[in-house]
Amino acid sequence: RSGQVVIAADTVVVRDHCILNKPGTRKEAIEMLTSLSGRSHQVITGVCIASPSPYKRVKQFEDVASVTFRKLELPEIEFY
């Protein structure tokens, strides 16, 4: 709508310089969690805030978190 502030954000997981897509199936989720088990990866979130006229300001920023999973056992992964 006109005159509204718009806030948008998205998050990606990066392992070994590759963006991991959101798993579409249970099998893909298990494969992803298995690939992250016992390793570090990055979680990157980008945010954009846009204000309406007459200011038309846009603010963009991102944050990167390094996350390390302990070694996960298959029953834990399947439960998750």
PDB file of N, CA and C in Angstrom:
ATOM      1  N   ARG A   1       0.829  -1.188   0.000  1.00  0.00           N
ATOM      2  CA  ARG A   1       0.000   0.000   0.000  1.00  0.00           C
ATOM      3  C   ARG A   1       0.868   1.243   0.000  1.00  0.00           C
ATOM      4  N   SER A   2       0.349   2.284  -0.556  1.00  0.00           N
ATOM      5  CA  SER A   2       1.058   3.552  -0.610  1.00  0.00           C
ATOM      6  C   SER A   2       1.220   4.122   0.800  1.00  0.00           C
ATOM      7  N   GLY A   3       2.378   4.686   1.063  1.00  0.00           N
ATOM      8  CA  GLY A   3       2.631   5.324   2.343  1.00  0.00           C
ATOM      9  C   GLY A   3       3.063   4.385   3.452  1.00  0.00           C
ATOM     10  N   GLN A   4       3.284   3.122   3.145  1.00  0.00           N
ATOM     11  CA  GLN A   4       3.667   2.139   4.155  1.00  0.00           C
ATOM     12  C   GLN A   4       5.170   1.883   4.121  1.00  0.00           C
ATOM     13  N   VAL A   5       5.742   1.653   5.290  1.00  0.00           N
ATOM     14  CA  VAL A   5       7.126   1.220   5.380  1.00  0.00           C
ATOM     15  C   VAL A   5       7.169  -0.264   5.015  1.00  0.00           C
ATOM     16  N   VAL A   6       8.170  -0.645   4.243  1.00  0.00           N
ATOM     17  CA  VAL A   6       8.323  -2.041   3.841  1.00  0.00           C
ATOM     18  C   VAL A   6       9.588  -2.587   4.495  1.00  0.00           C
ATOM     19  N   ILE A   7       9.436  -3.728   5.175  1.00  0.00           N
ATOM     20  CA  ILE A   7      10.579  -4.407   5.789  1.00  0.00           C
ATOM     21  C   ILE A   7      10.634  -5.811   5.188  1.00  0.00           C
ATOM     22  N   ALA A   8      11.795  -6.148   4.640  1.00  0.00           N
ATOM     23  CA  ALA A   8      11.974  -7.472   4.039  1.00  0.00           C
ATOM     24  C   ALA A   8      13.265  -8.074   4.574  1.00  0.00           C
ATOM     25  N   ALA A   9      13.260  -9.383   4.752  1.00  0.00           N
ATOM     26  CA  ALA A   9      14.454 -10.069   5.241  1.00  0.00           C
ATOM     27  C   ALA A   9      14.493 -11.479   4.674  1.00  0.00           C
ATOM     28  N   ASP A  10      15.695 -11.997   4.555  1.00  0.00           N
ATOM     29  CA  ASP A  10      15.857 -13.379   4.131  1.00  0.00           C
ATOM     30  C   ASP A  10      17.136 -13.915   4.748  1.00  0.00           C
ATOM     31  N   THR A  11      17.167 -15.222   4.960  1.00  0.00           N
ATOM     32  CA  THR A  11      18.304 -15.870   5.596  1.00  0.00           C
ATOM     33  C   THR A  11      18.758 -17.037   4.734  1.00  0.00           C
ATOM     34  N   VAL A  12      20.073 -17.205   4.643  1.00  0.00           N
ATOM     35  CA  VAL A  12      20.645 -18.357   3.942  1.00  0.00           C
ATOM     36  C   VAL A  12      21.682 -19.018   4.841  1.00  0.00           C
ATOM     37  N   VAL A  13      21.881 -20.296   4.598  1.00  0.00           N
ATOM     38  CA  VAL A  13      22.927 -21.055   5.280  1.00  0.00           C
ATOM     39  C   VAL A  13      24.010 -21.338   4.247  1.00  0.00           C
ATOM     40  N   VAL A  14      25.262 -21.074   4.625  1.00  0.00           N
ATOM     41  CA  VAL A  14      26.392 -21.265   3.713  1.00  0.00           C
ATOM     42  C   VAL A  14      27.382 -22.243   4.344  1.00  0.00           C
ATOM     43  N   ARG A  15      27.711 -23.281   3.598  1.00  0.00           N
ATOM     44  CA  ARG A  15      28.713 -24.257   4.026  1.00  0.00           C
ATOM     45  C   ARG A  15      29.710 -24.420   2.897  1.00  0.00           C
ATOM     46  N   ASP A  16      30.975 -24.268   3.209  1.00  0.00           N
ATOM     47  CA  ASP A  16      32.037 -24.413   2.198  1.00  0.00           C
ATOM     48  C   ASP A  16      31.779 -23.512   0.992  1.00  0.00           C
ATOM     49  N   HIS A  17      31.387 -22.282   1.244  1.00  0.00           N
ATOM     50  CA  HIS A  17      31.149 -21.263   0.213  1.00  0.00           C
ATOM     51  C   HIS A  17      29.973 -21.583  -0.706  1.00  0.00           C
ATOM     52  N   CYS A  18      29.104 -22.511  -0.294  1.00  0.00           N
ATOM     53  CA  CYS A  18      27.920 -22.860  -1.092  1.00  0.00           C
ATOM     54  C   CYS A  18      26.663 -22.581  -0.275  1.00  0.00           C
ATOM     55  N   ILE A  19      25.688 -21.921  -0.906  1.00  0.00           N
ATOM     56  CA  ILE A  19      24.400 -21.680  -0.258  1.00  0.00           C
ATOM     57  C   ILE A  19      23.605 -22.974  -0.259  1.00  0.00           C
ATOM     58  N   LEU A  20      23.108 -23.350   0.907  1.00  0.00           N
ATOM     59  CA  LEU A  20      22.275 -24.546   1.022  1.00  0.00           C
ATOM     60  C   LEU A  20      20.819 -24.137   0.882  1.00  0.00           C
ATOM     61  N   ASN A  21      20.150 -24.723  -0.061  1.00  0.00           N
ATOM     62  CA  ASN A  21      18.729 -24.434  -0.257  1.00  0.00           C
ATOM     63  C   ASN A  21      17.906 -25.070   0.851  1.00  0.00           C
ATOM     64  N   LYS A  22      16.746 -24.493   1.103  1.00  0.00           N
ATOM     65  CA  LYS A  22      15.836 -25.061   2.094  1.00  0.00           C
ATOM     66  C   LYS A  22      15.432 -26.449   1.615  1.00  0.00           C
ATOM     67  N   PRO A  23      15.548 -27.446   2.488  1.00  0.00           N
ATOM     68  CA  PRO A  23      15.179 -28.798   2.053  1.00  0.00           C
ATOM     69  C   PRO A  23      13.695 -28.892   1.730  1.00  0.00           C
ATOM     70  N   GLY A  24      13.401 -29.614   0.668  1.00  0.00           N
ATOM     71  CA  GLY A  24      12.019 -29.750   0.234  1.00  0.00           C
ATOM     72  C   GLY A  24      11.348 -31.015   0.729  1.00  0.00           C
ATOM     73  N   THR A  25      12.175 -31.942   1.188  1.00  0.00           N
ATOM     74  CA  THR A  25      11.636 -33.217   1.669  1.00  0.00           C
ATOM     75  C   THR A  25      12.326 -33.597   2.971  1.00  0.00           C
ATOM     76  N   ARG A  26      11.762 -34.564   3.648  1.00  0.00           N
ATOM     77  CA  ARG A  26      12.384 -35.064   4.879  1.00  0.00           C
ATOM     78  C   ARG A  26      13.764 -35.639   4.578  1.00  0.00           C
ATOM     79  N   LYS A  27      13.881 -36.365   3.480  1.00  0.00           N
ATOM     80  CA  LYS A  27      15.165 -36.954   3.079  1.00  0.00           C
ATOM     81  C   LYS A  27      16.214 -35.855   2.875  1.00  0.00           C
ATOM     82  N   GLU A  28      15.842 -34.776   2.188  1.00  0.00           N
ATOM     83  CA  GLU A  28      16.776 -33.669   1.966  1.00  0.00           C
ATOM     84  C   GLU A  28      17.158 -32.989   3.281  1.00  0.00           C
ATOM     85  N   ALA A  29      16.202 -32.890   4.207  1.00  0.00           N
ATOM     86  CA  ALA A  29      16.490 -32.285   5.516  1.00  0.00           C
ATOM     87  C   ALA A  29      17.496 -33.139   6.287  1.00  0.00           C
ATOM     88  N   ILE A  30      17.316 -34.451   6.240  1.00  0.00           N
ATOM     89  CA  ILE A  30      18.257 -35.351   6.914  1.00  0.00           C
ATOM     90  C   ILE A  30      19.636 -35.237   6.287  1.00  0.00           C
ATOM     91  N   GLU A  31      19.695 -35.175   4.967  1.00  0.00           N
ATOM     92  CA  GLU A  31      20.980 -35.022   4.277  1.00  0.00           C
ATOM     93  C   GLU A  31      21.659 -33.704   4.660  1.00  0.00           C
ATOM     94  N   MET A  32      20.880 -32.621   4.741  1.00  0.00           N
ATOM     95  CA  MET A  32      21.453 -31.326   5.092  1.00  0.00           C
ATOM     96  C   MET A  32      21.997 -31.345   6.516  1.00  0.00           C
ATOM     97  N   LEU A  33      21.200 -31.806   7.459  1.00  0.00           N
ATOM     98  CA  LEU A  33      21.654 -31.841   8.849  1.00  0.00           C
ATOM     99  C   LEU A  33      22.858 -32.761   9.020  1.00  0.00           C
ATOM    100  N   THR A  34      22.883 -33.862   8.295  1.00  0.00           N
ATOM    101  CA  THR A  34      24.034 -34.757   8.336  1.00  0.00           C
ATOM    102  C   THR A  34      25.284 -34.041   7.814  1.00  0.00           C
ATOM    103  N   SER A  35      25.127 -33.242   6.767  1.00  0.00           N
ATOM    104  CA  SER A  35      26.277 -32.523   6.190  1.00  0.00           C
ATOM    105  C   SER A  35      26.781 -31.415   7.116  1.00  0.00           C
ATOM    106  N   LEU A  36      25.916 -30.921   8.004  1.00  0.00           N
ATOM    107  CA  LEU A  36      26.309 -29.872   8.944  1.00  0.00           C
ATOM    108  C   LEU A  36      26.835 -30.439  10.260  1.00  0.00           C
ATOM    109  N   SER A  37      26.554 -31.693  10.520  1.00  0.00           N
ATOM    110  CA  SER A  37      26.928 -32.331  11.776  1.00  0.00           C
ATOM    111  C   SER A  37      28.433 -32.301  11.997  1.00  0.00           C
ATOM    112  N   GLY A  38      28.838 -31.792  13.173  1.00  0.00           N
ATOM    113  CA  GLY A  38      30.255 -31.753  13.522  1.00  0.00           C
ATOM    114  C   GLY A  38      31.059 -30.716  12.777  1.00  0.00           C
ATOM    115  N   ARG A  39      30.393 -29.773  12.119  1.00  0.00           N
ATOM    116  CA  ARG A  39      31.077 -28.781  11.287  1.00  0.00           C
ATOM    117  C   ARG A  39      30.568 -27.383  11.592  1.00  0.00           C
ATOM    118  N   SER A  40      31.290 -26.414  11.061  1.00  0.00           N
ATOM    119  CA  SER A  40      30.872 -25.016  11.161  1.00  0.00           C
ATOM    120  C   SER A  40      30.293 -24.558   9.831  1.00  0.00           C
ATOM    121  N   HIS A  41      29.370 -23.613   9.923  1.00  0.00           N
ATOM    122  CA  HIS A  41      28.786 -23.004   8.733  1.00  0.00           C
ATOM    123  C   HIS A  41      28.390 -21.577   9.089  1.00  0.00           C
ATOM    124  N   GLN A  42      27.965 -20.820   8.107  1.00  0.00           N
ATOM    125  CA  GLN A  42      27.549 -19.447   8.334  1.00  0.00           C
ATOM    126  C   GLN A  42      26.051 -19.322   8.064  1.00  0.00           C
ATOM    127  N   VAL A  43      25.418 -18.480   8.877  1.00  0.00           N
ATOM    128  CA  VAL A  43      24.016 -18.134   8.683  1.00  0.00           C
ATOM    129  C   VAL A  43      23.994 -16.634   8.399  1.00  0.00           C
ATOM    130  N   ILE A  44      23.542 -16.263   7.206  1.00  0.00           N
ATOM    131  CA  ILE A  44      23.573 -14.868   6.772  1.00  0.00           C
ATOM    132  C   ILE A  44      22.140 -14.377   6.601  1.00  0.00           C
ATOM    133  N   THR A  45      21.834 -13.272   7.257  1.00  0.00           N
ATOM    134  CA  THR A  45      20.512 -12.661   7.142  1.00  0.00           C
ATOM    135  C   THR A  45      20.673 -11.257   6.580  1.00  0.00           C
ATOM    136  N   GLY A  46      19.944 -10.968   5.521  1.00  0.00           N
ATOM    137  CA  GLY A  46      19.920  -9.637   4.926  1.00  0.00           C
ATOM    138  C   GLY A  46      18.579  -8.986   5.191  1.00  0.00           C
ATOM    139  N   VAL A  47      18.608  -7.690   5.469  1.00  0.00           N
ATOM    140  CA  VAL A  47      17.390  -6.940   5.776  1.00  0.00           C
ATOM    141  C   VAL A  47      17.368  -5.673   4.942  1.00  0.00           C
ATOM    142  N   CYS A  48      16.200  -5.308   4.457  1.00  0.00           N
ATOM    143  CA  CYS A  48      16.001  -4.048   3.732  1.00  0.00           C
ATOM    144  C   CYS A  48      14.761  -3.370   4.306  1.00  0.00           C
ATOM    145  N   ILE A  49      14.914  -2.088   4.633  1.00  0.00           N
ATOM    146  CA  ILE A  49      13.805  -1.285   5.132  1.00  0.00           C
ATOM    147  C   ILE A  49      13.652  -0.101   4.191  1.00  0.00           C
ATOM    148  N   ALA A  50      12.476   0.062   3.622  1.00  0.00           N
ATOM    149  CA  ALA A  50      12.205   1.162   2.693  1.00  0.00           C
ATOM    150  C   ALA A  50      11.049   1.989   3.219  1.00  0.00           C
ATOM    151  N   SER A  51      11.253   3.296   3.267  1.00  0.00           N
ATOM    152  CA  SER A  51      10.191   4.187   3.733  1.00  0.00           C
ATOM    153  C   SER A  51       9.533   4.866   2.534  1.00  0.00           C
ATOM    154  N   PRO A  52       8.304   5.316   2.713  1.00  0.00           N
ATOM    155  CA  PRO A  52       7.552   5.916   1.602  1.00  0.00           C
ATOM    156  C   PRO A  52       8.010   7.344   1.304  1.00  0.00           C
ATOM    157  N   SER A  53       7.476   7.877   0.222  1.00  0.00           N
ATOM    158  CA  SER A  53       7.690   9.285  -0.121  1.00  0.00           C
ATOM    159  C   SER A  53       7.191  10.137   1.030  1.00  0.00           C
ATOM    160  N   PRO A  54       7.681  11.296   1.262  1.00  0.00           N
ATOM    161  CA  PRO A  54       8.663  12.020   0.459  1.00  0.00           C
ATOM    162  C   PRO A  54      10.104  11.668   0.801  1.00  0.00           C
ATOM    163  N   TYR A  55      10.337  10.813   1.820  1.00  0.00           N
ATOM    164  CA  TYR A  55      11.712  10.548   2.258  1.00  0.00           C
ATOM    165  C   TYR A  55      12.427   9.541   1.372  1.00  0.00           C
ATOM    166  N   LYS A  56      11.727   8.512   0.982  1.00  0.00           N
ATOM    167  CA  LYS A  56      12.265   7.458   0.115  1.00  0.00           C
ATOM    168  C   LYS A  56      13.635   6.969   0.604  1.00  0.00           C
ATOM    169  N   ARG A  57      13.708   6.699   1.860  1.00  0.00           N
ATOM    170  CA  ARG A  57      14.955   6.178   2.416  1.00  0.00           C
ATOM    171  C   ARG A  57      14.957   4.659   2.324  1.00  0.00           C
ATOM    172  N   VAL A  58      16.114   4.130   2.024  1.00  0.00           N
ATOM    173  CA  VAL A  58      16.288   2.681   1.996  1.00  0.00           C
ATOM    174  C   VAL A  58      17.500   2.349   2.856  1.00  0.00           C
ATOM    175  N   LYS A  59      17.314   1.442   3.763  1.00  0.00           N
ATOM    176  CA  LYS A  59      18.403   0.986   4.623  1.00  0.00           C
ATOM    177  C   LYS A  59      18.553  -0.505   4.398  1.00  0.00           C
ATOM    178  N   GLN A  60      19.777  -0.931   4.087  1.00  0.00           N
ATOM    179  CA  GLN A  60      20.056  -2.343   3.874  1.00  0.00           C
ATOM    180  C   GLN A  60      21.211  -2.744   4.783  1.00  0.00           C
ATOM    181  N   PHE A  61      21.105  -3.923   5.353  1.00  0.00           N
ATOM    182  CA  PHE A  61      22.215  -4.426   6.157  1.00  0.00           C
ATOM    183  C   PHE A  61      22.116  -5.946   6.222  1.00  0.00           C
ATOM    184  N   GLU A  62      23.218  -6.541   6.643  1.00  0.00           N
ATOM    185  CA  GLU A  62      23.256  -7.986   6.787  1.00  0.00           C
ATOM    186  C   GLU A  62      24.028  -8.331   8.043  1.00  0.00           C
ATOM    187  N   ASP A  63      23.807  -9.530   8.509  1.00  0.00           N
ATOM    188  CA  ASP A  63      24.530 -10.029   9.665  1.00  0.00           C
ATOM    189  C   ASP A  63      24.937 -11.459   9.375  1.00  0.00           C
ATOM    190  N   VAL A  64      26.140 -11.802   9.789  1.00  0.00           N
ATOM    191  CA  VAL A  64      26.661 -13.152   9.567  1.00  0.00           C
ATOM    192  C   VAL A  64      26.957 -13.772  10.931  1.00  0.00           C
ATOM    193  N   ALA A  65      26.404 -14.946  11.154  1.00  0.00           N
ATOM    194  CA  ALA A  65      26.686 -15.692  12.379  1.00  0.00           C
ATOM    195  C   ALA A  65      27.403 -16.980  11.997  1.00  0.00           C
ATOM    196  N   SER A  66      28.471 -17.272  12.692  1.00  0.00           N
ATOM    197  CA  SER A  66      29.139 -18.557  12.514  1.00  0.00           C
ATOM    198  C   SER A  66      28.549 -19.528  13.519  1.00  0.00           C
ATOM    199  N   VAL A  67      28.144 -20.685  13.021  1.00  0.00           N
ATOM    200  CA  VAL A  67      27.483 -21.688  13.847  1.00  0.00           C
ATOM    201  C   VAL A  67      28.256 -22.994  13.733  1.00  0.00           C
ATOM    202  N   THR A  68      28.494 -23.632  14.859  1.00  0.00           N
ATOM    203  CA  THR A  68      29.152 -24.935  14.855  1.00  0.00           C
ATOM    204  C   THR A  68      28.223 -25.946  15.496  1.00  0.00           C
ATOM    205  N   PHE A  69      27.934 -26.996  14.744  1.00  0.00           N
ATOM    206  CA  PHE A  69      27.125 -28.096  15.264  1.00  0.00           C
ATOM    207  C   PHE A  69      28.064 -29.119  15.901  1.00  0.00           C
ATOM    208  N   ARG A  70      27.666 -29.653  17.015  1.00  0.00           N
ATOM    209  CA  ARG A  70      28.387 -30.813  17.530  1.00  0.00           C
ATOM    210  C   ARG A  70      28.041 -31.991  16.625  1.00  0.00           C
ATOM    211  N   LYS A  71      28.741 -33.075  16.772  1.00  0.00           N
ATOM    212  CA  LYS A  71      28.443 -34.268  15.992  1.00  0.00           C
ATOM    213  C   LYS A  71      27.064 -34.782  16.411  1.00  0.00           C
ATOM    214  N   LEU A  72      26.164 -34.885  15.450  1.00  0.00           N
ATOM    215  CA  LEU A  72      24.801 -35.337  15.710  1.00  0.00           C
ATOM    216  C   LEU A  72      24.652 -36.804  15.336  1.00  0.00           C
ATOM    217  N   GLU A  73      23.929 -37.514  16.159  1.00  0.00           N
ATOM    218  CA  GLU A  73      23.636 -38.911  15.864  1.00  0.00           C
ATOM    219  C   GLU A  73      22.395 -38.972  14.967  1.00  0.00           C
ATOM    220  N   LEU A  74      22.310 -40.005  14.141  1.00  0.00           N
ATOM    221  CA  LEU A  74      21.189 -40.135  13.205  1.00  0.00           C
ATOM    222  C   LEU A  74      19.824 -40.070  13.908  1.00  0.00           C
ATOM    223  N   PRO A  75      19.624 -40.729  15.055  1.00  0.00           N
ATOM    224  CA  PRO A  75      18.310 -40.606  15.716  1.00  0.00           C
ATOM    225  C   PRO A  75      17.968 -39.158  16.089  1.00  0.00           C
ATOM    226  N   GLU A  76      18.970 -38.357  16.471  1.00  0.00           N
ATOM    227  CA  GLU A  76      18.729 -36.948  16.782  1.00  0.00           C
ATOM    228  C   GLU A  76      18.298 -36.188  15.532  1.00  0.00           C
ATOM    229  N   ILE A  77      18.998 -36.453  14.441  1.00  0.00           N
ATOM    230  CA  ILE A  77      18.678 -35.790  13.171  1.00  0.00           C
ATOM    231  C   ILE A  77      17.273 -36.172  12.713  1.00  0.00           C
ATOM    232  N   GLU A  78      16.949 -37.434  12.796  1.00  0.00           N
ATOM    233  CA  GLU A  78      15.623 -37.895  12.366  1.00  0.00           C
ATOM    234  C   GLU A  78      14.522 -37.323  13.267  1.00  0.00           C
ATOM    235  N   PHE A  79      14.803 -37.153  14.547  1.00  0.00           N
ATOM    236  CA  PHE A  79      13.810 -36.584  15.464  1.00  0.00           C
ATOM    237  C   PHE A  79      13.580 -35.122  15.158  1.00  0.00           C
ATOM    238  N   TYR A  80      14.645 -34.411  14.821  1.00  0.00           N
ATOM    239  CA  TYR A  80      14.549 -32.975  14.550  1.00  0.00           C
ATOM    240  C   TYR A  80      13.697 -32.732  13.324  1.00  0.00           C
TER     241      TYR A  80
END
